[in-house]
Amino acid sequence: MRLLLVEDDVLVASGIKLGLSNAGYAVDWVGSAERALEVTQTDAFDIAVIDIGLPAMDGLELTQALRDQGHTMPALILTARDALQDRVQGLDKGADDYMVKPYELPELLARLRALLRRSQAATSAVLRFGALELDTALRQAVIVAKTAEDGSEAPPVTVRQPLELGPREWTVMEYLMLQAPKPANKDKLLQALTGWDKEITPNAVEVYISRLRAKLEPHGIALRSIRGFGYRLERVGPD
């Protein structure tokens, strides 16, 4: 998932960016609201983390400006202000969540996951498609299958088999599952894989898609290419 971090303190931004990057986010950092408004005109982000104490235009004004421009990505406000009026004002200006400093990284990550699920109409940290389960909190992928011995009257046994995914395979898989059953746009998938600090070509995306196909098809899940658009998860074989 591609995340926009808006924070004017370089030291604080570096720490947040490191923690979020280690959690699998493609993080792009800007130091002002004005710069944030510029980059959102040309780049697409899945979520934004915005510090309230920005110079010139503060985080609340930025959030309002983003909403006025039609941006619907979830926005989480970080602030040292803990007054009720400040929290209410932030939410009224279009913020989706509000965290008071100091905060712990695990809580920030949990809130970001919740906002992303909400934006995709998902209700659980565990995403499911066919036999695949993706636990976004634990970052674990599992194939769930039921087996029974031939001729046995005993009920089927559920077997949970870990599925090994590399960091970028995980990002692609999570994005596809959040979009399912709708198709995932290839350009947005490319942006979810990387930010400004790294470059990845559309051909590289095909490599990750090919790897995932090889891992999923034996378990009844297909990755269909949609010409001119992207990819869609589909179930294959018997229901």
Foldseek 3Di string as FASTA:
>chain_A
DEEEEEAQDPVVVVVLVVLVVVLQFFYDYDHALVVVVVVVVPDDGQEYEAEQPGPPHGRLNSLLVCVVVPDDHAYEYEYQDDDPVVQVSSVVSPHPYYHHPPDDSLVVVVVVLVSSCVVLVHDACWFDDQQWIARSSVRWIWGWDWDDDPPDPDGTDIDIHTDDDDSLLSQLVVQQRSQPQHFDFLVVNLCRRHDPVDDDDSVVVVVSLVVVQVRCVVRQWHWDADPPGGTHIDGDDDD
